[in-house]
Amino acid sequence: YRQLIPNRKAVAELLAYPIVQSLLRKLVLDNLAAVDHPTDRKIRQIRNTGDLYWQVGHGLLERAFKSNRHTQNPDDPASLFQILACYGYLMMLWFRDSRVPQAEIPKIHAEVRKRVKFDNEKWKRFDEILRDTYLTEHLLLKENHDRELSFPSLKMTEFFAAVWLARHCDERVQTELNALFVILVGDI
């Protein structure tokens, strides 16, 4: 694990989850099994929380598909990451938090649906996958008993917001961020 995660302090919060420890153990074992076949190596050093969230997010989605409750299409992981990224971005933009209050849940669901631009069938399918108890009980986006929509930590929300910004930073997003900047620091 020391070679895999040289800076444990940077990812300590996430390492507290047993499912993350299980996923990391699998990554290490897969990597050891691929020693004779270097082209099969999928692992790289996890330098920061972003690297770990990326590995954990993909690992959880992969496990959900292996549960045989959902069939996987080739573009599913990228599409699901896009949805999670949009939620993370809007949570940071609107609430600067990892939780969405109950009254705002329908509004954020509608806005995410509008921004990712999936047809009704695709949206319904991905919504069903993201609401799968396997994923919601193991770290990703969930609506909890307080009827809030949340990621388990602000860091994870920030990670998904950054993924959204990296892929979708257009004029609209720049305008939203400028407006947020004015709110946060005042008009300069």
C-alpha atoms as a PDB file:
ATOM      1  CA  TYR A   1       0.000   0.000   0.000  1.00  0.00           C
ATOM      2  CA  ARG A   2       2.887   2.391   0.665  1.00  0.00           C
ATOM      3  CA  GLN A   3       3.884   2.299  -3.008  1.00  0.00           C
ATOM      4  CA  LEU A   4       0.280   2.714  -4.083  1.00  0.00           C
ATOM      5  CA  ILE A   5      -0.479   5.612  -1.737  1.00  0.00           C
ATOM      6  CA  PRO A   6       2.692   7.542  -0.882  1.00  0.00           C
ATOM      7  CA  ASN A   7       0.760  10.354   0.867  1.00  0.00           C
ATOM      8  CA  ARG A   8      -1.727   8.625   3.195  1.00  0.00           C
ATOM      9  CA  LYS A   9      -2.618  11.894   4.973  1.00  0.00           C
ATOM     10  CA  ALA A  10      -4.066  13.305   1.756  1.00  0.00           C
ATOM     11  CA  VAL A  11      -6.557  10.453   1.485  1.00  0.00           C
ATOM     12  CA  ALA A  12      -7.021   9.425   5.137  1.00  0.00           C
ATOM     13  CA  GLU A  13     -10.704  10.440   5.241  1.00  0.00           C
ATOM     14  CA  LEU A  14     -11.615   8.156   2.362  1.00  0.00           C
ATOM     15  CA  LEU A  15      -9.440   5.290   3.594  1.00  0.00           C
ATOM     16  CA  ALA A  16     -11.655   5.059   6.681  1.00  0.00           C
ATOM     17  CA  TYR A  17     -14.386   3.408   4.573  1.00  0.00           C
ATOM     18  CA  PRO A  18     -14.174  -0.417   4.455  1.00  0.00           C
ATOM     19  CA  ILE A  19     -15.406  -0.481   0.845  1.00  0.00           C
ATOM     20  CA  VAL A  20     -12.464   1.730  -0.166  1.00  0.00           C
ATOM     21  CA  GLN A  21     -10.040  -0.575   1.619  1.00  0.00           C
ATOM     22  CA  SER A  22     -11.604  -3.529  -0.214  1.00  0.00           C
ATOM     23  CA  LEU A  23     -11.283  -1.781  -3.590  1.00  0.00           C
ATOM     24  CA  LEU A  24      -7.649  -0.897  -2.902  1.00  0.00           C
ATOM     25  CA  ARG A  25      -6.883  -4.468  -1.889  1.00  0.00           C
ATOM     26  CA  LYS A  26      -8.386  -5.619  -5.203  1.00  0.00           C
ATOM     27  CA  LEU A  27      -6.277  -3.063  -7.127  1.00  0.00           C
ATOM     28  CA  VAL A  28      -3.115  -4.326  -5.436  1.00  0.00           C
ATOM     29  CA  LEU A  29      -3.973  -7.985  -6.069  1.00  0.00           C
ATOM     30  CA  ASP A  30      -4.880  -7.257  -9.704  1.00  0.00           C
ATOM     31  CA  ASN A  31      -1.598  -5.409 -10.107  1.00  0.00           C
ATOM     32  CA  LEU A  32       0.387  -8.302  -8.618  1.00  0.00           C
ATOM     33  CA  ALA A  33      -1.390 -10.757 -10.908  1.00  0.00           C
ATOM     34  CA  ALA A  34      -0.402  -8.643 -13.924  1.00  0.00           C
ATOM     35  CA  VAL A  35       3.338  -8.747 -13.152  1.00  0.00           C
ATOM     36  CA  ASP A  36       3.949 -11.217 -15.977  1.00  0.00           C
ATOM     37  CA  HIS A  37       1.790  -9.132 -18.334  1.00  0.00           C
ATOM     38  CA  PRO A  38       2.809  -5.462 -17.949  1.00  0.00           C
ATOM     39  CA  THR A  39       0.196  -4.387 -20.506  1.00  0.00           C
ATOM     40  CA  ASP A  40      -2.532  -5.616 -18.125  1.00  0.00           C
ATOM     41  CA  ARG A  41      -1.451  -3.248 -15.356  1.00  0.00           C
ATOM     42  CA  LYS A  42      -4.249  -0.817 -14.585  1.00  0.00           C
ATOM     43  CA  ILE A  43      -2.831   0.717 -11.452  1.00  0.00           C
ATOM     44  CA  ARG A  44      -0.833   3.866 -10.986  1.00  0.00           C
ATOM     45  CA  GLN A  45       0.233   5.684  -7.891  1.00  0.00           C
ATOM     46  CA  ILE A  46      -2.535   7.443  -6.023  1.00  0.00           C
ATOM     47  CA  ARG A  47      -0.984  10.821  -5.317  1.00  0.00           C
ATOM     48  CA  ASN A  48      -3.978  12.710  -3.976  1.00  0.00           C
ATOM     49  CA  THR A  49      -7.673  12.506  -3.159  1.00  0.00           C
ATOM     50  CA  GLY A  50      -8.614  13.077  -6.797  1.00  0.00           C
ATOM     51  CA  ASP A  51      -6.727   9.962  -7.894  1.00  0.00           C
ATOM     52  CA  LEU A  52      -8.334   7.932  -5.123  1.00  0.00           C
ATOM     53  CA  TYR A  53     -11.859   9.251  -5.795  1.00  0.00           C
ATOM     54  CA  TRP A  54     -11.370   8.419  -9.483  1.00  0.00           C
ATOM     55  CA  GLN A  55     -10.313   4.846  -8.690  1.00  0.00           C
ATOM     56  CA  VAL A  56     -13.034   4.367  -6.050  1.00  0.00           C
ATOM     57  CA  GLY A  57     -15.793   5.855  -8.211  1.00  0.00           C
ATOM     58  CA  HIS A  58     -14.923   3.631 -11.150  1.00  0.00           C
ATOM     59  CA  GLY A  59     -14.491   0.622  -8.863  1.00  0.00           C
ATOM     60  CA  LEU A  60     -17.935   1.114  -7.322  1.00  0.00           C
ATOM     61  CA  LEU A  61     -19.600   1.522 -10.701  1.00  0.00           C
ATOM     62  CA  GLU A  62     -17.799  -1.582 -11.963  1.00  0.00           C
ATOM     63  CA  ARG A  63     -19.027  -3.568  -8.946  1.00  0.00           C
ATOM     64  CA  ALA A  64     -22.592  -2.376  -9.478  1.00  0.00           C
ATOM     65  CA  PHE A  65     -22.533  -3.741 -13.020  1.00  0.00           C
ATOM     66  CA  LYS A  66     -20.972  -7.010 -11.890  1.00  0.00           C
ATOM     67  CA  SER A  67     -23.905  -7.485  -9.483  1.00  0.00           C
ATOM     68  CA  ASN A  68     -25.975  -8.378 -12.584  1.00  0.00           C
ATOM     69  CA  ARG A  69     -28.764  -6.024 -11.554  1.00  0.00           C
ATOM     70  CA  HIS A  70     -27.863  -3.780 -14.493  1.00  0.00           C
ATOM     71  CA  THR A  71     -26.462  -4.525 -17.912  1.00  0.00           C
ATOM     72  CA  GLN A  72     -23.483  -2.424 -18.892  1.00  0.00           C
ATOM     73  CA  ASN A  73     -23.021  -0.602 -22.152  1.00  0.00           C
ATOM     74  CA  PRO A  74     -19.526   0.614 -23.114  1.00  0.00           C
ATOM     75  CA  ASP A  75     -20.299   4.300 -22.425  1.00  0.00           C
ATOM     76  CA  ASP A  76     -22.073   3.749 -19.079  1.00  0.00           C
ATOM     77  CA  PRO A  77     -19.201   4.511 -16.681  1.00  0.00           C
ATOM     78  CA  ALA A  78     -18.378   7.781 -18.464  1.00  0.00           C
ATOM     79  CA  SER A  79     -22.063   8.771 -18.570  1.00  0.00           C
ATOM     80  CA  LEU A  80     -22.555   8.006 -14.878  1.00  0.00           C
ATOM     81  CA  PHE A  81     -19.408   9.955 -14.003  1.00  0.00           C
ATOM     82  CA  GLN A  82     -20.815  12.864 -16.026  1.00  0.00           C
ATOM     83  CA  ILE A  83     -24.028  12.806 -13.959  1.00  0.00           C
ATOM     84  CA  LEU A  84     -22.094  12.649 -10.673  1.00  0.00           C
ATOM     85  CA  ALA A  85     -19.834  15.469 -11.873  1.00  0.00           C
ATOM     86  CA  CYS A  86     -22.828  17.653 -12.683  1.00  0.00           C
ATOM     87  CA  TYR A  87     -24.324  17.048  -9.225  1.00  0.00           C
ATOM     88  CA  GLY A  88     -20.981  17.914  -7.633  1.00  0.00           C
ATOM     89  CA  TYR A  89     -20.656  21.112  -9.657  1.00  0.00           C
ATOM     90  CA  LEU A  90     -24.196  22.300  -8.902  1.00  0.00           C
ATOM     91  CA  MET A  91     -23.851  21.459  -5.209  1.00  0.00           C
ATOM     92  CA  MET A  92     -20.711  23.576  -4.980  1.00  0.00           C
ATOM     93  CA  LEU A  93     -22.185  26.363  -7.122  1.00  0.00           C
ATOM     94  CA  TRP A  94     -25.536  26.605  -5.338  1.00  0.00           C
ATOM     95  CA  PHE A  95     -24.803  25.452  -1.793  1.00  0.00           C
ATOM     96  CA  ARG A  96     -20.997  25.255  -1.421  1.00  0.00           C
ATOM     97  CA  ASP A  97     -21.674  22.029   0.448  1.00  0.00           C
ATOM     98  CA  SER A  98     -21.863  18.270  -0.046  1.00  0.00           C
ATOM     99  CA  ARG A  99     -25.551  18.208   0.902  1.00  0.00           C
ATOM    100  CA  VAL A 100     -28.681  19.476  -0.828  1.00  0.00           C
ATOM    101  CA  PRO A 101     -31.597  20.431   1.427  1.00  0.00           C
ATOM    102  CA  GLN A 102     -34.829  18.505   0.922  1.00  0.00           C
ATOM    103  CA  ALA A 103     -36.694  21.456  -0.605  1.00  0.00           C
ATOM    104  CA  GLU A 104     -34.018  21.834  -3.308  1.00  0.00           C
ATOM    105  CA  ILE A 105     -33.747  18.171  -4.374  1.00  0.00           C
ATOM    106  CA  PRO A 106     -36.322  18.349  -7.205  1.00  0.00           C
ATOM    107  CA  LYS A 107     -34.683  21.529  -8.527  1.00  0.00           C
ATOM    108  CA  ILE A 108     -31.183  20.017  -8.630  1.00  0.00           C
ATOM    109  CA  HIS A 109     -32.447  16.758 -10.200  1.00  0.00           C
ATOM    110  CA  ALA A 110     -34.168  18.792 -12.943  1.00  0.00           C
ATOM    111  CA  GLU A 111     -31.093  20.951 -13.553  1.00  0.00           C
ATOM    112  CA  VAL A 112     -28.754  17.960 -13.784  1.00  0.00           C
ATOM    113  CA  ARG A 113     -31.111  16.267 -16.206  1.00  0.00           C
ATOM    114  CA  LYS A 114     -31.222  19.425 -18.332  1.00  0.00           C
ATOM    115  CA  ARG A 115     -27.441  19.851 -18.379  1.00  0.00           C
ATOM    116  CA  VAL A 116     -26.418  16.271 -19.169  1.00  0.00           C
ATOM    117  CA  LYS A 117     -28.931  16.165 -22.041  1.00  0.00           C
ATOM    118  CA  PHE A 118     -29.802  12.467 -21.945  1.00  0.00           C
ATOM    119  CA  ASP A 119     -33.038  11.262 -23.495  1.00  0.00           C
ATOM    120  CA  ASN A 120     -35.796  10.046 -21.142  1.00  0.00           C
ATOM    121  CA  GLU A 121     -34.928   6.362 -21.497  1.00  0.00           C
ATOM    122  CA  LYS A 122     -31.231   6.873 -20.828  1.00  0.00           C
ATOM    123  CA  TRP A 123     -31.910   9.227 -17.906  1.00  0.00           C
ATOM    124  CA  LYS A 124     -34.346   6.779 -16.307  1.00  0.00           C
ATOM    125  CA  ARG A 125     -31.818   3.946 -16.629  1.00  0.00           C
ATOM    126  CA  PHE A 126     -28.950   5.941 -15.113  1.00  0.00           C
ATOM    127  CA  ASP A 127     -31.172   7.298 -12.346  1.00  0.00           C
ATOM    128  CA  GLU A 128     -32.089   3.708 -11.479  1.00  0.00           C
ATOM    129  CA  ILE A 129     -28.427   2.671 -11.408  1.00  0.00           C
ATOM    130  CA  LEU A 130     -27.427   5.620  -9.202  1.00  0.00           C
ATOM    131  CA  ARG A 131     -30.287   4.859  -6.795  1.00  0.00           C
ATOM    132  CA  ASP A 132     -29.200   1.221  -6.577  1.00  0.00           C
ATOM    133  CA  THR A 133     -28.665   0.429  -2.918  1.00  0.00           C
ATOM    134  CA  TYR A 134     -25.309  -1.136  -3.726  1.00  0.00           C
ATOM    135  CA  LEU A 135     -23.967   2.266  -4.746  1.00  0.00           C
ATOM    136  CA  THR A 136     -25.835   4.383  -2.218  1.00  0.00           C
ATOM    137  CA  GLU A 137     -24.828   2.157   0.671  1.00  0.00           C
ATOM    138  CA  HIS A 138     -21.216   2.246  -0.470  1.00  0.00           C
ATOM    139  CA  LEU A 139     -20.220   5.846  -0.698  1.00  0.00           C
ATOM    140  CA  LEU A 140     -21.597   7.516  -3.793  1.00  0.00           C
ATOM    141  CA  LEU A 141     -24.403  10.025  -4.120  1.00  0.00           C
ATOM    142  CA  LYS A 142     -27.432   9.230  -1.969  1.00  0.00           C
ATOM    143  CA  GLU A 143     -30.622  10.608  -0.535  1.00  0.00           C
ATOM    144  CA  ASN A 144     -30.309   9.909   3.167  1.00  0.00           C
ATOM    145  CA  HIS A 145     -32.812   9.475   5.982  1.00  0.00           C
ATOM    146  CA  ASP A 146     -32.979  13.255   6.487  1.00  0.00           C
ATOM    147  CA  ARG A 147     -34.175  13.500   2.881  1.00  0.00           C
ATOM    148  CA  GLU A 148     -31.047  15.336   1.812  1.00  0.00           C
ATOM    149  CA  LEU A 149     -29.156  14.556  -1.351  1.00  0.00           C
ATOM    150  CA  SER A 150     -25.488  14.190  -0.488  1.00  0.00           C
ATOM    151  CA  PHE A 151     -22.021  12.951  -1.227  1.00  0.00           C
ATOM    152  CA  PRO A 152     -20.255  11.515   1.829  1.00  0.00           C
ATOM    153  CA  SER A 153     -17.821  14.424   2.065  1.00  0.00           C
ATOM    154  CA  LEU A 154     -17.160  17.920   0.805  1.00  0.00           C
ATOM    155  CA  LYS A 155     -13.900  16.670  -0.752  1.00  0.00           C
ATOM    156  CA  MET A 156     -15.764  14.173  -2.901  1.00  0.00           C
ATOM    157  CA  THR A 157     -18.207  16.902  -3.970  1.00  0.00           C
ATOM    158  CA  GLU A 158     -15.280  19.146  -4.883  1.00  0.00           C
ATOM    159  CA  PHE A 159     -13.681  16.305  -6.860  1.00  0.00           C
ATOM    160  CA  PHE A 160     -16.802  15.744  -8.962  1.00  0.00           C
ATOM    161  CA  ALA A 161     -17.236  19.518  -9.418  1.00  0.00           C
ATOM    162  CA  ALA A 162     -13.672  19.673 -10.759  1.00  0.00           C
ATOM    163  CA  VAL A 163     -14.417  16.808 -13.163  1.00  0.00           C
ATOM    164  CA  TRP A 164     -17.414  18.782 -14.474  1.00  0.00           C
ATOM    165  CA  LEU A 165     -15.351  21.963 -14.856  1.00  0.00           C
ATOM    166  CA  ALA A 166     -12.580  20.114 -16.669  1.00  0.00           C
ATOM    167  CA  ARG A 167     -15.033  18.761 -19.228  1.00  0.00           C
ATOM    168  CA  HIS A 168     -17.712  21.443 -19.496  1.00  0.00           C
ATOM    169  CA  CYS A 169     -16.190  24.831 -18.744  1.00  0.00           C
ATOM    170  CA  ASP A 170     -17.913  26.908 -21.410  1.00  0.00           C
ATOM    171  CA  GLU A 171     -19.183  30.487 -21.442  1.00  0.00           C
ATOM    172  CA  ARG A 172     -22.237  29.584 -19.332  1.00  0.00           C
ATOM    173  CA  VAL A 173     -20.098  27.992 -16.612  1.00  0.00           C
ATOM    174  CA  GLN A 174     -17.680  30.933 -16.654  1.00  0.00           C
ATOM    175  CA  THR A 175     -20.623  33.315 -16.176  1.00  0.00           C
ATOM    176  CA  GLU A 176     -21.916  31.220 -13.251  1.00  0.00           C
ATOM    177  CA  LEU A 177     -18.486  31.170 -11.627  1.00  0.00           C
ATOM    178  CA  ASN A 178     -18.025  34.924 -12.109  1.00  0.00           C
ATOM    179  CA  ALA A 179     -21.397  35.531 -10.434  1.00  0.00           C
ATOM    180  CA  LEU A 180     -20.373  33.251  -7.552  1.00  0.00           C
ATOM    181  CA  PHE A 181     -17.060  35.090  -7.226  1.00  0.00           C
ATOM    182  CA  VAL A 182     -18.887  38.416  -6.932  1.00  0.00           C
ATOM    183  CA  ILE A 183     -21.138  36.974  -4.230  1.00  0.00           C
ATOM    184  CA  LEU A 184     -18.213  35.511  -2.281  1.00  0.00           C
ATOM    185  CA  VAL A 185     -15.780  38.438  -2.388  1.00  0.00           C
ATOM    186  CA  GLY A 186     -17.965  41.382  -3.349  1.00  0.00           C
ATOM    187  CA  ASP A 187     -17.860  43.537  -6.423  1.00  0.00           C
ATOM    188  CA  ILE A 188     -14.281  44.715  -7.018  1.00  0.00           C
END
